[in-house]
Protein backbone atom coordinates (compact mmCIF):
# COMPACT_ATOMS: atom_id res chain seq x y z
CA MET A 1 -21.03 2.83 1.15
CA THR A 2 -22.32 -0.22 -0.12
CA GLU A 3 -25.82 1.04 -0.93
CA SER A 4 -25.04 3.85 -3.22
CA ASN A 5 -24.20 1.44 -5.92
CA ASP A 6 -27.66 1.37 -7.21
CA ALA A 7 -28.03 1.40 -11.33
CA GLN A 8 -28.23 3.82 -13.31
CA GLU A 9 -27.78 4.80 -17.04
CA SER A 10 -23.89 5.67 -17.81
CA ALA A 11 -22.46 7.45 -20.79
CA VAL A 12 -18.76 9.35 -20.84
CA LYS A 13 -18.71 11.15 -17.80
CA PRO A 14 -20.35 14.66 -17.73
CA GLY A 15 -17.88 17.56 -18.91
CA ILE A 16 -15.26 15.40 -20.46
CA GLU A 17 -15.59 15.07 -24.54
CA LEU A 18 -13.11 13.14 -25.88
CA GLN A 19 -12.35 11.93 -29.77
CA PRO A 20 -10.89 8.51 -29.85
CA GLN A 21 -8.26 8.03 -32.64
CA TRP A 22 -7.38 4.52 -32.10
CA GLY A 23 -8.85 1.55 -31.07
CA SER A 24 -7.74 0.97 -27.46
CA ASP A 25 -9.31 4.57 -27.47
CA ALA A 26 -12.43 3.74 -28.00
CA ILE A 27 -12.00 0.95 -25.30
CA VAL A 28 -11.24 3.23 -22.58
CA ASP A 29 -14.33 5.30 -23.32
CA PHE A 30 -16.53 2.27 -22.78
CA LEU A 31 -14.28 1.60 -19.30
CA ARG A 32 -15.18 5.24 -18.61
CA ALA A 33 -18.61 4.91 -19.18
CA THR A 34 -19.29 1.65 -16.77
CA GLU A 35 -17.47 4.28 -14.20
CA VAL A 36 -15.23 1.63 -12.91
CA PRO A 37 -12.90 3.44 -10.80
CA TYR A 38 -9.78 1.33 -11.32
CA ILE A 39 -8.21 -1.58 -13.59
CA ALA A 40 -5.66 -3.62 -12.26
CA LEU A 41 -3.03 -4.77 -14.60
CA THR A 42 0.25 -6.27 -14.62
CA PRO A 43 2.14 -5.00 -17.40
CA GLY A 44 2.18 -7.10 -20.97
CA ALA A 45 2.80 -6.02 -24.60
CA SER A 46 -0.07 -7.74 -25.54
CA PHE A 47 -2.22 -4.77 -24.41
CA ARG A 48 0.16 -2.50 -25.12
CA GLY A 49 -2.23 -0.15 -27.21
CA LEU A 50 -4.81 -0.40 -24.15
CA HIS A 51 -1.89 0.36 -21.65
CA ASP A 52 -1.46 3.82 -23.87
CA SER A 53 -4.67 5.04 -24.06
CA LEU A 54 -5.15 4.88 -20.14
CA VAL A 55 -2.19 6.31 -19.75
CA ASN A 56 -2.44 9.14 -22.66
CA TYR A 57 -5.71 9.01 -23.99
CA SER A 58 -7.86 9.88 -20.73
CA PRO A 59 -5.58 9.47 -17.40
CA GLU A 60 -8.09 12.29 -15.55
CA SER A 61 -11.14 10.69 -16.05
CA GLY A 62 -10.10 6.91 -15.48
CA PRO A 63 -10.22 4.08 -14.61
CA SER A 64 -6.71 4.54 -13.14
CA ILE A 65 -4.05 2.15 -13.66
CA VAL A 66 -3.53 -0.22 -10.08
CA MET A 67 -0.16 -1.87 -10.93
CA CYS A 68 0.97 -4.89 -9.56
CA LEU A 69 3.74 -7.54 -9.58
CA HIS A 70 1.51 -10.79 -10.77
CA GLU A 71 -1.52 -11.12 -12.33
CA GLU A 72 -2.96 -13.48 -9.79
CA HIS A 73 -2.65 -10.75 -7.33
CA SER A 74 -4.43 -8.50 -9.73
CA VAL A 75 -7.61 -10.47 -10.23
CA ALA A 76 -7.54 -11.33 -5.86
CA LEU A 77 -6.88 -7.47 -5.62
CA ALA A 78 -10.36 -7.12 -7.87
CA HIS A 79 -11.87 -9.79 -6.06
CA GLY A 80 -11.24 -8.20 -2.57
CA TYR A 81 -12.48 -4.90 -3.67
CA ALA A 82 -16.00 -6.75 -5.27
CA LYS A 83 -16.36 -8.36 -1.98
CA VAL A 84 -17.07 -5.09 -0.47
CA THR A 85 -18.83 -2.62 -3.47
CA GLY A 86 -20.58 -5.65 -4.96
CA VAL A 87 -19.52 -4.49 -8.41
CA PRO A 88 -16.64 -5.16 -10.67
CA MET A 89 -13.05 -3.72 -11.15
CA ALA A 90 -11.40 -4.37 -14.47
CA VAL A 91 -8.46 -6.48 -14.69
CA ALA A 92 -6.06 -6.36 -17.69
CA LEU A 93 -4.29 -9.75 -18.12
CA HIS A 94 -1.59 -10.18 -20.83
CA ALA A 95 -2.08 -12.92 -23.69
CA ASN A 96 -1.78 -16.64 -22.43
CA VAL A 97 1.11 -16.43 -20.16
CA GLY A 98 -0.76 -13.78 -17.71
CA LEU A 99 -3.87 -15.68 -18.29
CA GLN A 100 -1.98 -19.10 -16.75
CA HIS A 101 -0.57 -17.34 -13.94
CA ALA A 102 -4.30 -15.22 -12.85
CA VAL A 103 -6.00 -19.17 -13.29
CA MET A 104 -6.31 -19.63 -9.44
CA ALA A 105 -7.44 -15.93 -8.81
CA ILE A 106 -9.86 -16.39 -11.01
CA PHE A 107 -11.54 -19.68 -10.07
CA ASN A 108 -11.31 -18.48 -6.47
CA ALA A 109 -13.58 -15.36 -7.78
CA TYR A 110 -15.81 -17.60 -9.90
CA THR A 111 -16.47 -20.21 -6.72
CA ASP A 112 -17.07 -17.00 -4.37
CA ARG A 113 -19.44 -15.69 -7.11
CA ALA A 114 -17.44 -12.25 -7.41
CA PRO A 115 -18.11 -10.04 -10.30
CA VAL A 116 -14.68 -9.34 -12.22
CA LEU A 117 -14.32 -7.91 -16.06
CA LEU A 118 -11.33 -9.55 -17.24
CA ILE A 119 -10.04 -7.82 -19.91
CA GLY A 120 -7.33 -10.45 -22.16
CA ALA A 121 -5.38 -9.73 -24.96
CA THR A 122 -4.07 -12.06 -28.05
CA GLY A 123 -2.49 -11.87 -31.27
CA PRO A 124 -2.37 -10.51 -33.63
CA LEU A 125 -5.20 -13.18 -34.92
CA ASP A 126 -4.65 -12.63 -38.26
CA ALA A 127 -0.91 -14.55 -38.29
CA ALA A 128 0.14 -12.49 -41.48
CA GLN A 129 0.34 -9.66 -38.87
CA ARG A 130 2.58 -11.49 -36.08
CA ARG A 131 5.88 -10.86 -35.26
CA PRO A 132 8.26 -13.75 -35.32
CA TRP A 133 8.47 -15.66 -32.47
CA ILE A 134 6.91 -13.78 -29.44
CA ASP A 135 3.54 -13.14 -31.41
CA TRP A 136 3.45 -16.90 -31.97
CA ILE A 137 4.04 -18.57 -28.73
CA HIS A 138 1.59 -15.73 -26.86
CA THR A 139 -1.03 -16.56 -29.33
CA THR A 140 -3.19 -19.06 -28.23
CA ALA A 141 -6.05 -20.70 -30.30
CA ASP A 142 -9.14 -20.68 -28.23
CA GLN A 143 -7.14 -18.58 -25.55
CA ALA A 144 -10.27 -18.74 -22.96
CA SER A 145 -10.65 -22.19 -23.09
CA MET A 146 -7.98 -22.25 -20.40
CA ILE A 147 -10.50 -20.50 -17.85
CA ARG A 148 -13.99 -21.38 -19.54
CA SER A 149 -15.21 -24.07 -16.77
CA PHE A 150 -14.78 -21.37 -13.96
CA ILE A 151 -15.82 -17.68 -16.09
CA LYS A 152 -19.41 -17.32 -17.00
CA TRP A 153 -19.09 -15.84 -20.36
CA ASP A 154 -16.38 -15.10 -22.96
CA ASP A 155 -14.99 -13.73 -26.46
CA THR A 156 -12.56 -13.00 -28.66
CA PRO A 157 -13.98 -10.05 -31.23
CA VAL A 158 -12.21 -9.04 -34.23
CA SER A 159 -13.41 -5.23 -35.09
CA ILE A 160 -14.13 -2.19 -32.61
CA GLU A 161 -17.39 -2.69 -32.99
CA ALA A 162 -17.45 -6.41 -32.00
CA THR A 163 -15.06 -5.92 -29.51
CA LEU A 164 -17.55 -2.79 -27.43
CA GLU A 165 -20.40 -5.20 -27.79
CA SER A 166 -18.67 -8.05 -26.11
CA LEU A 167 -17.43 -5.75 -23.49
CA ALA A 168 -20.63 -4.63 -22.70
CA ARG A 169 -22.22 -7.92 -22.75
CA ALA A 170 -19.41 -8.90 -20.54
CA TRP A 171 -20.21 -5.98 -18.39
CA ASP A 172 -23.67 -7.64 -18.32
CA ILE A 173 -23.03 -10.94 -17.20
CA THR A 174 -20.62 -10.58 -14.49
CA ARG A 175 -23.02 -8.25 -12.60
CA THR A 176 -25.90 -10.35 -13.15
CA GLU A 177 -26.75 -13.10 -10.32
CA PRO A 178 -25.14 -15.77 -9.82
CA GLN A 179 -22.16 -13.25 -10.60
CA GLY A 180 -18.75 -14.29 -11.46
CA PRO A 181 -16.13 -13.26 -13.75
CA THR A 182 -15.95 -12.63 -17.51
CA TYR A 183 -13.50 -12.59 -20.03
CA VAL A 184 -12.91 -10.61 -23.52
CA ALA A 185 -9.95 -11.02 -25.17
CA LEU A 186 -8.64 -7.96 -27.49
CA ASP A 187 -6.84 -8.51 -30.52
CA SER A 188 -3.98 -6.53 -30.21
CA VAL A 189 -4.54 -5.40 -34.02
CA VAL A 190 -8.20 -3.72 -33.01
CA GLN A 191 -6.40 -2.03 -30.02
CA GLU A 192 -3.80 -0.45 -32.65
CA SER A 193 -5.93 0.16 -35.26
CA ARG A 194 -6.40 4.18 -36.04
CA LEU A 195 -10.30 4.57 -36.04
CA SER A 196 -11.62 6.37 -39.42
CA SER A 197 -14.77 7.96 -37.26
CA ARG A 198 -16.16 7.45 -33.50
CA PRO A 199 -17.65 4.14 -32.97
CA ARG A 200 -20.97 4.01 -30.88
CA LEU A 201 -20.41 3.09 -27.55
CA PRO A 202 -23.11 0.62 -25.92
CA ARG A 203 -25.92 1.78 -23.74
CA ILE A 204 -25.19 0.26 -20.35
CA THR A 205 -26.02 0.70 -17.01
CA THR A 206 -23.55 0.81 -13.89
CA GLY A 207 -23.47 0.12 -10.35
CA ARG A 208 -25.48 -3.14 -9.78
CA ALA A 209 -27.08 -5.17 -12.23
CA PRO A 210 -30.55 -3.28 -11.69
CA ASP A 211 -32.98 -6.25 -12.84
CA GLN A 212 -32.71 -9.80 -11.26
CA ALA A 213 -34.73 -12.95 -11.51
CA ALA A 214 -37.30 -13.92 -8.58
CA ALA A 215 -39.51 -16.61 -7.38
CA SER A 216 -42.64 -17.38 -8.74
CA ALA A 217 -45.74 -16.65 -6.56
CA ASP A 218 -46.63 -19.88 -6.14
CA SER A 219 -43.15 -20.71 -4.70
CA ILE A 220 -43.06 -18.19 -2.26
CA ARG A 221 -46.98 -19.29 -1.06
CA ARG A 222 -45.30 -22.84 -0.28
CA ALA A 223 -42.30 -21.80 1.12
CA ALA A 224 -44.14 -19.32 3.31
CA ASP A 225 -46.61 -21.97 4.06
CA LEU A 226 -44.46 -23.94 5.39
CA LEU A 227 -42.24 -21.63 7.56
CA ARG A 228 -46.03 -20.80 8.78
CA ASN A 229 -46.82 -23.88 10.29
CA ALA A 230 -43.57 -24.93 11.61
CA ARG A 231 -42.74 -25.47 15.15
CA ASN A 232 -38.84 -25.44 14.75
CA VAL A 233 -37.20 -23.31 11.94
CA VAL A 234 -33.60 -23.16 11.32
CA VAL A 235 -32.20 -20.46 9.24
CA MET A 236 -29.01 -21.27 7.18
CA VAL A 237 -27.82 -17.95 6.09
CA GLY A 238 -25.10 -17.84 3.67
CA PRO A 239 -23.41 -15.10 1.70
CA GLY A 240 -25.64 -12.16 1.41
CA THR A 241 -25.53 -8.43 0.48
CA ARG A 242 -23.51 -5.53 2.81
CA SER A 243 -26.26 -3.80 3.04
CA ASP A 244 -27.63 -2.56 6.28
CA ALA A 245 -31.18 -2.99 4.97
CA ASP A 246 -30.99 -6.26 3.55
CA TYR A 247 -29.32 -7.74 6.93
CA GLN A 248 -32.03 -5.81 8.92
CA TYR A 249 -34.50 -7.53 6.89
CA ARG A 250 -32.76 -10.99 7.93
CA ILE A 251 -32.99 -10.15 11.35
CA VAL A 252 -36.82 -9.54 11.15
CA LEU A 253 -37.53 -12.78 9.43
CA ALA A 254 -35.63 -14.96 12.11
CA GLU A 255 -36.87 -13.49 14.87
CA ALA A 256 -41.04 -13.66 13.60
CA LEU A 257 -40.20 -17.21 12.91
CA GLY A 258 -38.73 -17.74 16.26
CA ALA A 259 -35.76 -19.54 14.41
CA ARG A 260 -32.42 -20.43 15.16
CA VAL A 261 -29.62 -19.55 12.96
CA ILE A 262 -26.72 -20.81 11.69
CA THR A 263 -23.52 -19.12 9.99
CA ASP A 264 -20.33 -20.55 8.91
CA LEU A 265 -17.28 -18.35 8.23
CA LYS A 266 -17.34 -18.63 4.18
CA ALA A 267 -19.93 -16.29 4.12
CA GLY A 268 -18.52 -13.44 5.79
CA SER A 269 -21.03 -11.89 8.32
CA PRO A 270 -24.30 -12.25 7.37
CA PHE A 271 -26.23 -11.88 10.55
CA PRO A 272 -25.39 -10.99 14.17
CA THR A 273 -23.43 -13.42 15.93
CA ARG A 274 -24.34 -11.62 18.91
CA HIS A 275 -27.81 -12.41 18.52
CA PRO A 276 -29.43 -14.69 20.59
CA ALA A 277 -30.88 -16.46 17.98
CA HIS A 278 -27.58 -17.42 16.77
CA VAL A 279 -26.33 -20.90 17.13
CA ALA A 280 -22.67 -20.73 18.30
CA GLY A 281 -19.51 -22.73 17.49
CA SER A 282 -19.44 -22.28 13.82
CA GLY A 283 -15.54 -22.14 11.58
CA LEU A 284 -15.67 -22.99 7.82
CA ARG A 285 -17.95 -25.64 8.47
CA VAL A 286 -21.13 -26.24 11.06
CA GLY A 287 -20.11 -26.65 14.45
CA PRO A 288 -21.25 -29.30 17.26
CA ALA A 289 -24.30 -26.72 17.94
CA GLY A 290 -25.46 -26.30 14.68
CA ARG A 291 -25.71 -30.03 13.66
CA LYS A 292 -28.03 -30.42 17.04
CA ALA A 293 -29.83 -27.56 15.76
CA LEU A 294 -30.40 -29.03 12.48
CA ALA A 295 -31.21 -32.38 13.97
CA GLU A 296 -33.94 -30.89 15.71
CA ALA A 297 -35.41 -28.72 12.91
CA ASP A 298 -38.75 -29.78 11.15
CA VAL A 299 -37.75 -27.08 8.60
CA VAL A 300 -34.77 -25.41 7.37
CA LEU A 301 -34.78 -22.09 5.39
CA ALA A 302 -31.42 -22.02 3.47
CA LEU A 303 -30.67 -18.63 2.33
CA ASN A 304 -27.08 -19.18 -0.34
CA TRP A 305 -25.97 -21.54 1.78
CA THR A 306 -22.77 -23.74 0.29
CA ASP A 307 -23.36 -27.17 0.32
CA ILE A 308 -27.02 -27.73 1.72
CA ALA A 309 -26.58 -31.29 1.57
CA GLY A 310 -23.20 -31.31 2.98
CA ALA A 311 -24.56 -29.72 6.06
CA LEU A 312 -27.27 -31.90 6.40
CA LYS A 313 -25.82 -35.06 6.04
CA GLY A 314 -23.82 -35.42 9.26
CA ALA A 315 -26.23 -33.87 11.54
CA GLY A 316 -28.89 -36.77 11.55
CA THR A 317 -31.82 -34.89 10.37
CA ARG A 318 -35.57 -35.94 10.82
CA ALA A 319 -37.05 -38.29 8.27
CA ASP A 320 -39.47 -35.58 7.28
CA LEU A 321 -37.05 -32.46 7.19
CA LYS A 322 -38.54 -29.58 4.79
CA ILE A 323 -35.80 -27.95 3.14
CA VAL A 324 -36.60 -24.08 1.56
CA SER A 325 -33.74 -23.01 -0.85
CA ALA A 326 -33.23 -19.51 -1.96
CA THR A 327 -30.35 -19.32 -4.30
CA LEU A 328 -29.49 -19.03 -8.13
CA ASP A 329 -26.33 -21.40 -8.17
CA PRO A 330 -28.05 -24.35 -9.95
CA MET A 331 -27.99 -21.78 -12.77
CA ILE A 332 -24.56 -21.57 -13.01
CA ALA A 333 -23.56 -25.08 -12.32
CA ASN A 334 -21.57 -26.51 -15.75
CA GLY A 335 -20.52 -30.14 -15.14
CA VAL A 336 -16.99 -29.33 -15.01
CA THR A 337 -16.17 -27.68 -11.94
CA ARG A 338 -18.04 -29.45 -8.92
CA ASP A 339 -18.55 -26.51 -7.24
CA HIS A 340 -22.48 -28.04 -7.24
CA HIS A 341 -21.55 -30.03 -4.24
CA ILE A 342 -23.66 -32.80 -3.13
CA ARG A 343 -27.77 -33.01 -4.74
CA ALA A 344 -29.79 -31.22 -1.87
CA GLU A 345 -33.36 -32.88 -2.13
CA VAL A 346 -35.47 -29.38 -1.26
CA ASP A 347 -39.40 -29.35 -0.70
CA VAL A 348 -39.37 -25.43 -2.45
CA TRP A 349 -36.91 -24.07 -4.49
CA LEU A 350 -36.94 -20.01 -4.36
CA PRO A 351 -34.72 -19.19 -7.46
CA THR A 352 -33.58 -15.79 -6.52
CA THR A 353 -30.90 -13.99 -4.61
CA PRO A 354 -31.20 -14.49 -0.83
CA ASP A 355 -31.80 -11.38 0.21
CA HIS A 356 -34.74 -10.89 -2.72
CA ALA A 357 -36.40 -14.18 -1.27
CA VAL A 358 -36.04 -12.57 2.08
CA ALA A 359 -38.05 -9.61 0.90
CA GLN A 360 -40.75 -11.62 -0.95
CA LEU A 361 -41.06 -14.05 2.62
CA LEU A 362 -41.66 -11.02 4.62
CA ASP A 363 -44.43 -9.78 2.23
CA ALA A 364 -45.93 -13.20 2.37
CA LEU A 365 -45.47 -13.43 5.75
CA ASP A 366 -47.21 -9.99 6.33
CA LEU A 367 -43.93 -9.02 7.59
CA GLN A 368 -43.00 -5.73 5.99
CA GLY A 369 -42.15 -2.56 8.06
CA ARG A 370 -41.42 -4.37 11.27
CA GLU A 371 -37.93 -3.66 12.73
CA PRO A 372 -35.44 -6.20 14.54
CA GLU A 373 -36.51 -6.57 18.12
CA TRP A 374 -32.77 -7.10 18.86
CA THR A 375 -30.25 -4.43 18.54
CA PRO A 376 -26.31 -4.20 18.81
CA ASP A 377 -24.90 -3.76 22.21
CA ALA A 378 -21.00 -2.57 22.69
CA ASP A 379 -18.32 -5.07 22.80
CA ALA A 380 -18.17 -4.96 26.55
CA GLU A 381 -16.82 -8.65 26.89
CA SER A 382 -13.75 -8.58 28.90
CA VAL A 383 -11.35 -11.23 28.97
CA SER A 384 -8.27 -12.13 31.77
CA LEU A 385 -5.58 -12.13 29.57
CA PRO A 386 -1.80 -13.47 30.69
CA GLY A 387 0.87 -11.13 30.85
CA SER A 388 3.75 -13.32 29.06
CA GLY A 389 3.87 -16.61 27.43
CA GLU A 390 3.33 -18.20 24.36
CA ILE A 391 1.01 -17.04 22.21
CA THR A 392 -2.05 -18.89 20.96
CA PRO A 393 -4.59 -18.12 18.25
CA ALA A 394 -7.40 -17.29 20.80
CA LEU A 395 -5.14 -15.31 22.83
CA LEU A 396 -4.22 -13.49 19.53
CA ALA A 397 -7.71 -12.71 18.60
CA ALA A 398 -8.63 -11.86 22.18
CA VAL A 399 -5.70 -8.74 22.29
CA VAL A 400 -6.73 -8.08 18.57
CA ARG A 401 -10.15 -7.32 19.77
CA GLU A 402 -9.12 -5.39 23.00
CA GLN A 403 -6.61 -3.18 20.93
CA LEU A 404 -9.39 -2.21 18.48
CA ARG A 405 -12.24 -2.17 20.70
CA GLU A 406 -13.29 1.35 19.82
CA GLU A 407 -12.20 0.98 16.03
CA ARG A 408 -14.99 0.15 13.42
CA THR A 409 -13.46 -3.11 11.83
CA THR A 410 -13.61 -5.13 8.71
CA LEU A 411 -12.03 -8.17 8.93
CA ILE A 412 -10.71 -9.21 5.33
CA ARG A 413 -9.29 -12.53 5.80
CA LEU A 414 -8.85 -14.74 8.84
CA PRO A 415 -6.89 -17.93 8.96
CA LEU A 416 -8.71 -21.51 7.83
CA LYS A 417 -8.48 -23.07 11.49
CA TRP A 418 -10.31 -19.60 12.93
CA ASP A 419 -12.95 -20.37 15.20
CA GLY A 420 -15.72 -18.84 14.43
CA ASP A 421 -16.55 -17.89 18.19
CA TYR A 422 -13.14 -15.94 18.59
CA TRP A 423 -14.59 -12.94 17.31
CA PRO A 424 -18.28 -11.70 17.51
CA PHE A 425 -20.10 -9.87 14.38
CA SER A 426 -22.77 -7.63 14.42
CA SER A 427 -22.67 -5.63 10.97
CA PRO A 428 -22.57 -6.99 7.52
CA MET A 429 -19.25 -5.36 6.95
CA ASP A 430 -17.77 -6.99 9.98
CA PHE A 431 -15.88 -9.42 8.26
CA LEU A 432 -16.10 -10.35 4.38
CA GLY A 433 -15.63 -13.85 4.30
CA TYR A 434 -13.43 -16.67 2.44
CA ASP A 435 -11.77 -17.23 -1.25
CA GLY A 436 -14.56 -19.39 -2.57
CA GLY A 437 -11.58 -21.88 -4.02
CA GLY A 438 -10.16 -23.11 -0.38
CA GLY A 439 -6.40 -22.73 -1.68
CA ILE A 440 -4.06 -20.39 -0.06
CA GLY A 441 -1.91 -17.34 -1.73
CA SER A 442 -4.92 -15.00 -1.88
CA GLY A 443 -5.32 -13.77 1.43
CA PRO A 444 -2.91 -10.59 0.08
CA GLY A 445 -3.95 -9.91 -2.68
CA MET A 446 -7.69 -10.09 -1.53
CA THR A 447 -6.50 -7.38 1.45
CA VAL A 448 -5.49 -4.93 -0.61
CA GLY A 449 -8.36 -4.70 -2.79
CA ALA A 450 -10.66 -4.56 -0.14
CA ALA A 451 -8.59 -1.95 1.82
CA LEU A 452 -8.59 -0.21 -1.11
CA ALA A 453 -12.41 -0.49 -1.62
CA LEU A 454 -12.10 1.11 2.02
CA ARG A 455 -10.18 3.63 2.01
CA GLY A 456 -11.47 6.91 2.70
CA THR A 457 -14.34 5.32 4.94
CA ASP A 458 -15.21 4.91 8.78
CA ARG A 459 -13.81 1.28 8.20
CA LEU A 460 -10.10 -0.13 9.67
CA PRO A 461 -9.40 -2.88 6.78
CA VAL A 462 -7.78 -5.78 9.07
CA SER A 463 -6.38 -9.13 7.84
CA ILE A 464 -5.23 -12.08 9.96
CA LEU A 465 -3.33 -14.48 7.16
CA GLY A 466 -1.93 -17.67 8.00
CA ASP A 467 1.58 -17.33 7.13
CA GLY A 468 1.65 -19.92 4.22
CA ASP A 469 -0.85 -17.76 2.58
CA PHE A 470 1.32 -14.88 3.39
CA MET A 471 4.35 -15.99 1.74
CA MET A 472 2.19 -17.17 -1.33
CA GLY A 473 1.14 -13.91 -1.92
CA VAL A 474 4.04 -11.79 -0.32
CA GLN A 475 4.47 -9.58 -3.75
CA ALA A 476 0.88 -8.31 -3.61
CA LEU A 477 1.44 -6.00 -1.23
CA TRP A 478 4.06 -3.76 -3.16
CA THR A 479 0.82 -2.05 -4.56
CA ALA A 480 -0.46 -1.04 -1.33
CA ALA A 481 2.62 0.63 -0.63
CA HIS A 482 3.04 1.85 -3.91
CA GLU A 483 -0.98 2.92 -3.89
CA ARG A 484 -1.14 4.13 -0.43
CA ILE A 485 -3.56 1.99 0.68
CA PRO A 486 -3.48 1.90 4.55
CA PHE A 487 -4.68 -1.68 6.36
CA LEU A 488 -3.37 -3.96 9.12
CA ALA A 489 -2.33 -7.53 8.34
CA ILE A 490 -1.61 -9.64 11.14
CA VAL A 491 0.48 -13.13 10.50
CA ASN A 492 -0.56 -15.72 12.33
CA ASN A 493 2.31 -17.76 12.00
CA ASN A 494 2.86 -21.14 13.10
CA HIS A 495 6.04 -22.12 10.89
CA THR A 496 3.98 -24.84 9.15
CA TYR A 497 1.16 -25.71 6.94
CA GLY A 498 -1.12 -26.49 9.87
CA ASN A 499 -4.09 -27.82 7.77
CA ASP A 500 -2.01 -29.90 5.98
CA GLU A 501 -0.07 -31.18 9.63
CA ASP A 502 -4.25 -32.39 10.51
CA HIS A 503 -4.49 -34.10 7.80
CA GLN A 504 -1.17 -36.06 8.08
CA GLU A 505 -1.70 -37.00 11.77
CA ARG A 506 -5.24 -38.39 10.87
CA VAL A 507 -3.70 -40.30 7.90
CA ALA A 508 -0.57 -41.50 10.40
CA ILE A 509 -3.57 -42.56 13.34
CA SER A 510 -5.43 -44.66 10.70
CA ARG A 511 -2.63 -46.35 9.49
CA ASP A 512 -1.19 -47.17 13.38
CA ARG A 513 2.15 -45.12 12.01
CA ASP A 514 4.24 -42.31 13.88
CA VAL A 515 2.22 -39.56 14.33
CA SER A 516 5.10 -37.07 15.66
CA ARG A 517 6.55 -37.21 12.17
CA LYS A 518 3.85 -35.59 10.62
CA TRP A 519 5.81 -31.99 9.99
CA ILE A 520 8.17 -33.55 7.76
CA GLY A 521 7.31 -31.39 4.26
CA LEU A 522 5.30 -29.47 6.09
CA SER A 523 7.34 -27.35 8.59
CA ILE A 524 8.21 -23.64 7.43
CA ASP A 525 11.28 -23.59 9.56
CA ASP A 526 15.01 -23.89 9.73
CA PRO A 527 15.38 -21.21 8.75
CA ALA A 528 12.14 -19.62 9.77
CA PRO A 529 11.80 -16.68 7.28
CA ASP A 530 11.80 -12.86 8.45
CA LEU A 531 8.10 -12.09 7.52
CA ALA A 532 8.49 -8.50 8.82
CA LEU A 533 11.43 -8.15 6.49
CA LEU A 534 9.45 -9.43 3.85
CA ALA A 535 6.86 -6.91 4.01
CA ARG A 536 9.79 -4.46 4.95
CA ALA A 537 11.26 -5.27 1.27
CA GLN A 538 7.52 -4.49 -0.06
CA GLY A 539 7.54 -0.90 1.20
CA LEU A 540 5.25 -1.68 4.01
CA GLU A 541 5.87 -1.04 7.75
CA GLY A 542 6.58 -4.73 9.02
CA ILE A 543 6.52 -4.92 12.90
CA GLY A 544 7.90 -8.16 14.80
CA PRO A 545 8.28 -11.56 15.00
CA ILE A 546 6.40 -11.52 18.28
CA THR A 547 6.71 -14.43 20.29
CA ASP A 548 5.66 -13.60 23.40
CA MET A 549 2.32 -11.98 24.51
CA ARG A 550 4.18 -9.20 26.92
CA ASP A 551 5.45 -7.89 23.41
CA LEU A 552 1.70 -8.44 21.90
CA PRO A 553 -0.48 -5.48 22.61
CA ASP A 554 2.51 -2.86 22.14
CA ALA A 555 2.94 -3.94 18.55
CA LEU A 556 -0.52 -3.77 17.66
CA ARG A 557 -1.03 -0.51 19.23
CA ARG A 558 2.34 0.99 17.23
CA GLY A 559 0.77 -0.83 14.09
CA LEU A 560 -2.86 0.73 14.76
CA ALA A 561 -1.01 3.89 14.81
CA LEU A 562 0.92 3.50 11.40
CA VAL A 563 -2.25 2.63 10.15
CA LYS A 564 -3.80 5.72 10.95
CA LYS A 565 -1.39 7.80 9.11
CA GLY A 566 -2.01 6.01 6.11
CA LYS A 567 0.41 3.21 6.08
CA PRO A 568 -0.29 -0.51 5.36
CA VAL A 569 1.37 -2.46 8.07
CA VAL A 570 2.22 -6.08 9.05
CA VAL A 571 2.52 -7.50 12.09
CA ASP A 572 4.32 -11.03 12.16
CA VAL A 573 3.02 -13.13 15.18
CA ILE A 574 4.69 -16.54 16.15
CA VAL A 575 1.40 -18.46 17.38
CA HIS A 576 1.43 -21.93 18.92
CA PRO A 577 -1.87 -24.30 18.88
CA SER A 578 -4.14 -24.03 21.54
CA SER A 579 -5.13 -27.46 23.12
CA LYS A 580 -8.25 -27.01 21.38
CA GLU A 581 -7.05 -26.85 17.93
CA ASN A 582 -4.78 -30.10 18.79
């Protein structure tokens, strides 16, 4: 599925010849040429021309409208879609007000290096053509300045020819590594101007951008020499493609180097956690076993690892440690956002994508054509589970795994405090990773977008969401009901903002104050929201709340049966912290 997005020359789809009459018709012609299947939007008058063209000019040939109830959900949906496919969706954002609604989701996509084609709207830029009041308050000088710190490129063109050029450039840039959102604000007058002739469509490619940066031969040679002569290599695997071929190449390289491999949950499942080389115990950060492996390493190969120096800082690494880093992230650092993290003192920088670096290193080490020694086995692990009692996150994970044992599951989202050892991965599609920005509220929208991308495949979309994340983004689920997008969402409901309770506990302890009061201002209780009812209010199937282990297996079986009938389902599970989490 994800390997079929190879770049191709694109024009308007064969057999469909339309004559654009309005500026927005030509914009839709461009979107058809990209072969983007969907445009997510929350309605807004600033792009009413574009909306009309999507509905009345080219409704059969796409892109199809995916309506959302909030702009943040529109962008989160496109972000989730990109995490599965590796290619952008389009998103239409209304004027300055819709853009401000979308800001957090745009930041998430940027910090996660996800491609999204953002199509804003504004104006009329010519003040003489503005309607009283509303056009004035919805027009902003330099509208893109609101998000310029966390997008790759923007423009506000003032003619249809310039608009098509800008959209083509935005399309190229969002797909070029390191990927990220781009933004073009459409002048409402340009959208609604009658065309006297057909404007020329720029020539573009579709799918993944065909040409990407590669490391120099000298850099690859120096990296290969370090790896070849090392006694104790650790490979830190960050986000990569979801291609099965790239996944196999990572395994071959690690095996040939005799390396230990560290992953974390931010990156998804870029390396099999069942592989004997994989170091257990990591969650969002490197765990104790990972820190021990780093302390013993003489060479670290970091493949697009997020915050290398931060991960090494607490590991007590050797003074003579050598670091090879394959990443393009330094090329997107802008000095405003601080997502460049602590400066890593690397010995060899490979300025390319992690998977291209792996391919180049396999060549340099004469390993091309080698197959992995490891082969995935079935999930035969059996856990003895209590028949009744309180549900902890660990028990929830074990029961969900047991009920989905026969399914090809893609985990779209996991809660912040999830233990990386709860669920083993053996495929690049087993887990999609986090949202990049480290906030909450994106989970439901990204779940809908990823499930949309997986619809019609052999993958079962599953999200395990925190209750705070769920409630902040619950309206995103309406789109799944409206568009008939099936998935299973399980709420890990602890009735609190648990991550913040941890912080309040640490502060109270450090100040010798009353830890028992840590819940004040954080507990989502008294009354406890009925999350299954909230799901049903959006048109989904809602099951729960499930409060006891005896009821959990049956609730999950009912939910799975409904998903297989094409329904989006939410199961609300009340969980209690395990002793490990306390």
